[in-house]
Protein backbone atom coordinates (compact mmCIF):
# COMPACT_ATOMS: atom_id res chain seq x y z
CA MET A 1 -102.74 43.95 8.95
CA GLU A 2 -103.96 41.42 11.51
CA TYR A 3 -101.67 40.21 14.29
CA GLU A 4 -103.56 37.25 15.70
CA ASN A 5 -102.37 33.71 14.95
CA LYS A 6 -99.50 34.75 12.66
CA LEU A 7 -96.07 33.30 11.89
CA VAL A 8 -93.61 36.14 11.59
CA LEU A 9 -90.13 36.60 10.14
CA ALA A 10 -88.08 38.68 12.57
CA PRO A 11 -86.07 41.74 11.52
CA MET A 12 -82.44 40.76 10.87
CA VAL A 13 -79.79 43.29 9.86
CA ARG A 14 -78.19 42.60 6.45
CA ILE A 15 -80.40 39.54 6.06
CA GLY A 16 -84.02 40.71 5.99
CA THR A 17 -83.82 42.13 2.47
CA LEU A 18 -86.45 41.60 -0.23
CA PRO A 19 -85.23 38.17 -1.50
CA PHE A 20 -85.12 36.66 1.99
CA ARG A 21 -88.51 38.12 2.92
CA LEU A 22 -90.06 36.67 -0.24
CA LEU A 23 -88.37 33.35 0.48
CA ALA A 24 -89.87 33.18 3.97
CA ALA A 25 -93.29 34.17 2.66
CA GLU A 26 -93.13 31.46 -0.01
CA TYR A 27 -92.62 28.90 2.74
CA GLY A 28 -95.47 30.18 4.90
CA ALA A 29 -94.52 33.34 6.83
CA ASP A 30 -97.61 35.53 7.26
CA ILE A 31 -95.72 38.70 8.18
CA THR A 32 -92.16 39.59 7.18
CA TYR A 33 -90.10 42.31 8.84
CA GLY A 34 -87.40 44.13 6.94
CA GLU A 35 -84.01 44.73 8.48
CA GLU A 36 -83.88 47.68 10.87
CA ILE A 37 -83.21 50.95 9.02
CA ILE A 38 -82.27 54.14 10.84
CA ASP A 39 -84.55 57.08 10.10
CA HIS A 40 -81.55 59.33 9.34
CA LYS A 41 -80.73 57.03 6.44
CA LEU A 42 -84.22 56.88 4.97
CA VAL A 43 -84.91 60.61 4.99
CA LYS A 44 -81.90 61.05 2.69
CA CYS A 45 -83.54 58.81 0.07
CA ASP A 46 -85.64 59.23 -3.03
CA ARG A 47 -88.44 56.79 -3.84
CA ARG A 48 -87.96 55.26 -7.28
CA LEU A 49 -89.78 52.66 -9.34
CA ASN A 50 -87.27 50.13 -10.63
CA GLU A 51 -88.95 49.14 -13.88
CA LYS A 52 -86.33 46.52 -14.76
CA ILE A 53 -87.13 44.23 -11.84
CA GLY A 54 -90.50 45.67 -10.77
CA SER A 55 -89.42 46.85 -7.35
CA ILE A 56 -89.87 50.05 -5.38
CA ASP A 57 -86.50 51.37 -4.28
CA PHE A 58 -85.58 53.97 -1.71
CA VAL A 59 -82.26 55.20 -3.01
CA GLU A 60 -79.82 57.35 -1.05
CA LYS A 61 -79.25 60.67 -2.75
CA GLY A 62 -75.75 61.16 -4.06
CA THR A 63 -74.66 57.54 -3.67
CA GLY A 64 -77.22 55.52 -5.62
CA SER A 65 -77.26 53.01 -2.76
CA VAL A 66 -80.55 51.15 -2.26
CA VAL A 67 -81.46 51.57 1.41
CA PHE A 68 -84.81 49.73 1.23
CA ARG A 69 -86.33 47.68 -1.60
CA THR A 70 -89.84 46.24 -1.68
CA CYS A 71 -92.43 45.19 -4.26
CA ASP A 72 -96.19 44.91 -4.72
CA GLU A 73 -96.05 41.16 -4.03
CA GLU A 74 -95.26 41.75 -0.36
CA LYS A 75 -97.15 44.98 0.19
CA ASP A 76 -99.82 43.39 2.41
CA ARG A 77 -97.38 41.68 4.79
CA VAL A 78 -94.05 43.54 4.91
CA VAL A 79 -93.24 45.58 8.01
CA PHE A 80 -90.78 48.45 7.80
CA GLN A 81 -88.74 48.42 11.00
CA MET A 82 -87.16 51.70 11.98
CA GLY A 83 -84.53 52.77 14.47
CA THR A 84 -85.18 56.30 15.72
CA SER A 85 -84.79 58.68 18.63
CA ASP A 86 -86.84 61.59 17.31
CA ALA A 87 -90.60 61.70 16.81
CA VAL A 88 -90.64 64.26 14.00
CA ARG A 89 -87.91 62.53 12.01
CA ALA A 90 -89.54 59.15 12.58
CA LEU A 91 -92.83 60.46 11.19
CA THR A 92 -91.09 61.92 8.15
CA ALA A 93 -89.44 58.57 7.42
CA ALA A 94 -92.62 56.60 8.06
CA GLN A 95 -94.63 58.79 5.73
CA MET A 96 -92.13 58.12 2.97
CA VAL A 97 -92.77 54.36 3.03
CA CYS A 98 -96.35 54.14 4.32
CA LYS A 99 -97.93 53.56 0.89
CA ASP A 100 -95.56 50.68 0.12
CA VAL A 101 -95.65 48.63 3.34
CA ALA A 102 -98.27 47.03 5.56
CA ALA A 103 -97.04 48.48 8.87
CA VAL A 104 -94.25 50.40 10.56
CA ASP A 105 -92.40 49.01 13.57
CA ILE A 106 -90.17 50.88 16.00
CA ASN A 107 -87.23 48.99 17.45
CA MET A 108 -87.26 49.70 21.18
CA GLY A 109 -84.41 47.43 22.21
CA CYS A 110 -84.08 49.80 25.12
CA PRO A 111 -86.79 52.16 26.40
CA LYS A 112 -87.06 55.41 24.42
CA SER A 113 -89.44 58.33 24.31
CA PHE A 114 -93.04 57.14 24.04
CA SER A 115 -93.85 60.32 22.14
CA ILE A 116 -92.43 58.65 19.02
CA LEU A 117 -95.06 55.91 19.12
CA THR A 118 -97.83 58.37 19.95
CA THR A 119 -96.85 60.70 17.11
CA LEU A 120 -96.75 57.88 14.58
CA ARG A 121 -100.01 56.38 15.78
CA ARG A 122 -101.85 59.69 15.54
CA ASN A 123 -100.58 60.52 12.07
CA MET A 124 -100.37 57.17 10.26
CA SER A 125 -103.15 55.29 8.47
CA ILE A 126 -101.29 51.97 8.66
CA PRO A 127 -100.59 50.00 11.87
CA VAL A 128 -97.73 51.05 14.13
CA THR A 129 -96.07 48.42 16.31
CA CYS A 130 -92.85 48.04 18.25
CA LYS A 131 -90.41 45.37 19.38
CA ILE A 132 -88.74 45.17 22.79
CA ARG A 133 -86.40 42.98 24.79
CA LEU A 134 -86.91 41.95 28.39
CA LEU A 135 -85.82 44.39 31.09
CA LYS A 136 -84.02 43.56 34.35
CA SER A 137 -87.17 42.22 36.00
CA SER A 138 -90.41 40.82 34.69
CA GLN A 139 -92.27 43.61 36.51
CA ASP A 140 -90.20 46.25 34.69
CA THR A 141 -90.95 44.62 31.34
CA VAL A 142 -94.68 44.47 32.06
CA GLU A 143 -94.73 48.13 33.10
CA LEU A 144 -92.93 49.08 29.87
CA ALA A 145 -95.34 47.00 27.81
CA ARG A 146 -98.35 48.62 29.47
CA ARG A 147 -97.00 52.10 28.73
CA ILE A 148 -96.44 51.08 25.12
CA GLU A 149 -99.98 49.72 24.86
CA LYS A 150 -101.36 53.08 26.02
CA THR A 151 -99.77 54.79 23.00
CA GLY A 152 -102.25 52.94 20.77
CA VAL A 153 -99.91 50.56 18.96
CA SER A 154 -101.51 47.61 17.18
CA ALA A 155 -99.17 44.91 18.51
CA LEU A 156 -96.01 44.34 20.52
CA ALA A 157 -93.21 41.88 19.73
CA VAL A 158 -91.23 40.66 22.74
CA HIS A 159 -87.81 39.05 22.41
CA GLY A 160 -87.42 36.76 25.40
CA ARG A 161 -83.87 37.88 26.21
CA LYS A 162 -82.35 40.84 28.02
CA VAL A 163 -79.81 43.13 26.39
CA PRO A 164 -76.76 41.45 28.04
CA ASP A 165 -78.00 37.93 27.17
CA ARG A 166 -76.20 36.01 24.46
CA PRO A 167 -77.95 33.90 21.77
CA ARG A 168 -76.87 30.74 23.60
CA ASP A 169 -78.75 31.83 26.72
CA PRO A 170 -82.24 30.29 26.81
CA ALA A 171 -85.09 32.63 25.92
CA LYS A 172 -87.28 33.36 28.95
CA TRP A 173 -90.68 32.33 27.65
CA SER A 174 -92.23 32.68 31.14
CA GLU A 175 -91.45 36.41 31.15
CA ILE A 176 -93.08 36.79 27.74
CA ALA A 177 -96.11 35.08 29.27
CA ASP A 178 -96.23 37.77 31.97
CA VAL A 179 -96.48 40.42 29.26
CA VAL A 180 -99.17 38.51 27.36
CA ALA A 181 -101.26 38.19 30.51
CA SER A 182 -101.00 41.93 31.17
CA LEU A 183 -102.00 43.32 27.76
CA SER A 184 -105.09 43.34 25.59
CA ILE A 185 -103.26 43.97 22.29
CA PRO A 186 -101.63 41.07 20.42
CA VAL A 187 -98.16 40.08 21.63
CA ILE A 188 -95.73 38.39 19.23
CA ALA A 189 -93.40 36.00 21.07
CA ASN A 190 -89.79 35.78 19.88
CA GLY A 191 -86.95 33.52 20.99
CA ASP A 192 -85.68 29.94 20.58
CA VAL A 193 -87.92 28.81 17.72
CA PHE A 194 -85.93 26.41 15.56
CA ASP A 195 -88.50 23.92 14.24
CA TYR A 196 -92.14 24.13 13.19
CA ASP A 197 -93.19 22.30 16.38
CA ASP A 198 -91.61 25.11 18.40
CA PHE A 199 -94.31 27.47 17.15
CA GLN A 200 -96.90 25.52 19.11
CA ARG A 201 -94.61 25.04 22.11
CA ILE A 202 -93.99 28.76 22.56
CA LYS A 203 -97.68 29.52 22.01
CA VAL A 204 -98.62 27.16 24.84
CA ALA A 205 -95.85 28.45 27.11
CA THR A 206 -96.59 32.15 26.61
CA GLY A 207 -100.29 32.26 25.85
CA THR A 208 -99.75 34.26 22.66
CA SER A 209 -101.10 33.28 19.26
CA SER A 210 -98.39 34.84 17.09
CA VAL A 211 -94.73 33.87 16.96
CA MET A 212 -91.65 35.53 15.50
CA VAL A 213 -88.54 33.63 14.42
CA ALA A 214 -85.06 34.88 13.55
CA ARG A 215 -82.16 32.39 13.60
CA GLY A 216 -84.41 29.42 12.93
CA ALA A 217 -85.52 31.10 9.70
CA LEU A 218 -82.02 32.19 8.77
CA TRP A 219 -80.72 28.64 9.05
CA ASN A 220 -83.62 27.23 7.05
CA ALA A 221 -86.38 29.57 5.88
CA SER A 222 -88.70 26.62 5.26
CA ILE A 223 -89.20 26.43 9.04
CA PHE A 224 -92.56 28.06 8.24
CA CYS A 225 -93.73 24.97 6.31
CA PRO A 226 -96.33 22.93 8.26
CA LYS A 227 -95.14 19.75 6.53
CA GLY A 228 -91.59 20.21 7.78
CA LYS A 229 -88.36 21.74 6.59
CA LEU A 230 -87.08 21.29 3.07
CA PRO A 231 -83.44 20.29 2.49
CA TRP A 232 -81.34 23.34 3.29
CA GLU A 233 -79.45 22.94 0.01
CA ASP A 234 -82.71 23.55 -1.85
CA VAL A 235 -83.59 26.52 0.36
CA LYS A 236 -80.15 28.03 -0.13
CA ARG A 237 -80.36 27.68 -3.91
CA GLU A 238 -83.81 29.30 -3.94
CA TYR A 239 -82.42 32.20 -1.93
CA VAL A 240 -79.65 32.67 -4.49
CA ARG A 241 -82.19 32.56 -7.30
CA LYS A 242 -84.34 35.24 -5.66
CA SER A 243 -81.27 37.36 -4.92
CA ILE A 244 -80.38 37.31 -8.60
CA LEU A 245 -83.90 38.05 -9.84
CA TRP A 246 -84.28 40.95 -7.40
CA ASP A 247 -80.74 42.26 -7.94
CA ASN A 248 -79.85 42.01 -4.27
CA ASP A 249 -76.71 43.66 -2.97
CA ILE A 250 -73.81 41.22 -3.34
CA LYS A 251 -72.44 41.94 0.14
CA SER A 252 -75.83 41.28 1.73
CA THR A 253 -76.30 38.10 -0.30
CA LYS A 254 -72.87 36.78 0.64
CA HIS A 255 -73.40 37.63 4.31
CA THR A 256 -76.66 35.67 4.40
CA LEU A 257 -75.15 32.70 2.59
CA LYS A 258 -72.18 32.63 4.95
CA GLU A 259 -74.51 32.63 7.96
CA MET A 260 -76.45 29.72 6.45
CA ILE A 261 -73.26 27.79 5.73
CA LEU A 262 -71.78 28.41 9.17
CA HIS A 263 -74.74 26.71 10.84
CA HIS A 264 -74.69 23.60 8.65
CA SER A 265 -71.09 23.33 7.53
CA SER A 266 -67.89 25.39 7.48
CA LEU A 267 -66.58 28.36 5.54
CA GLU A 268 -63.27 26.51 5.26
CA LEU A 269 -64.80 23.95 2.90
CA PRO A 270 -64.92 24.56 -0.89
CA GLU A 271 -68.42 26.05 -0.92
CA GLY A 272 -67.66 28.55 1.83
CA LYS A 273 -64.40 29.60 0.22
CA ALA A 274 -66.16 30.04 -3.13
CA VAL A 275 -68.84 32.27 -1.59
CA ILE A 276 -66.18 34.40 0.09
CA LYS A 277 -64.32 34.84 -3.21
CA SER A 278 -67.46 35.70 -5.19
CA ASP A 279 -67.40 39.28 -6.41
CA SER A 280 -70.79 39.42 -8.12
CA LEU A 281 -74.17 37.76 -8.43
CA VAL A 282 -73.00 36.08 -11.61
CA ASP A 283 -70.28 34.33 -9.58
CA LEU A 284 -72.93 33.02 -7.18
CA ALA A 285 -75.14 32.02 -10.12
CA ARG A 286 -72.35 29.81 -11.44
CA LEU A 287 -71.57 28.40 -8.00
CA TYR A 288 -75.17 27.36 -7.33
CA GLY A 289 -76.21 26.39 -10.85
CA GLU A 290 -78.51 29.36 -11.33
CA GLU A 291 -77.10 30.60 -14.64
CA LYS A 292 -80.60 30.54 -16.17
CA SER A 293 -81.84 32.90 -13.47
CA TYR A 294 -79.01 35.28 -14.18
CA ASP A 295 -79.58 35.12 -17.93
CA PHE A 296 -83.26 35.88 -17.33
CA PHE A 297 -82.33 38.83 -15.10
CA VAL A 298 -79.95 40.24 -17.72
CA LYS A 299 -82.62 40.00 -20.42
CA LYS A 300 -85.22 41.87 -18.34
């Protein structure tokens, strides 16, 4: 996994599942992060090959719930993001997925024990990275980043907001630039990227060569296309199609669709109400004219 000059899909809870990651990659994302998964959850799973759809599933024992699903198609670019507070448990979880993903990332939204990163780095054959937010001062953030770099991680993603900041608060690109100037490892800049041109703007402003995008990709995953965004109706329909073909969880699929609709329209209109009332993927297939995709899935 290389981290220079990459366009990256950010980790998004309940959204960054396999269909959405494949969607972003189809439109040009070089690296795709899965949603954050807590190590406690993963260590309770069994790894299973889902022959019907060709996926690799990590299924929670006793419940049959799919905690993480991936496939060979994304093996060279998918990053498994983990939430953890224990080095030994983190390593156990990471070793479970290491043969199926390109890298493991630790979510350090607030500073945690650096022993976790050191333990993973010393015992893993794939890259280990982490993602942070800004601290109270730029100096504090730089000091944290330098300590992280010393653990031997391959890259650091920096969200240009502090923990109390709201999404409407402007991302502080200048403070990301302070981190970039202080490190020798690649830094992935994250925050306020909503159009393809913003990739270049944040690169210039921060000095980094790689950029991560969250909401901009959620609202229209074709943000990664150099030629410009595709109509969001087409993107939304393609997401539904991929969700059907990869048997995505209906709650996750509906959540993602509702977030898309809320940005462009309203859940009070017929489409939004229909998504809310949908009880299964077949309901969504009918709503978005993807009956053929569902028929194909059933015949697999």
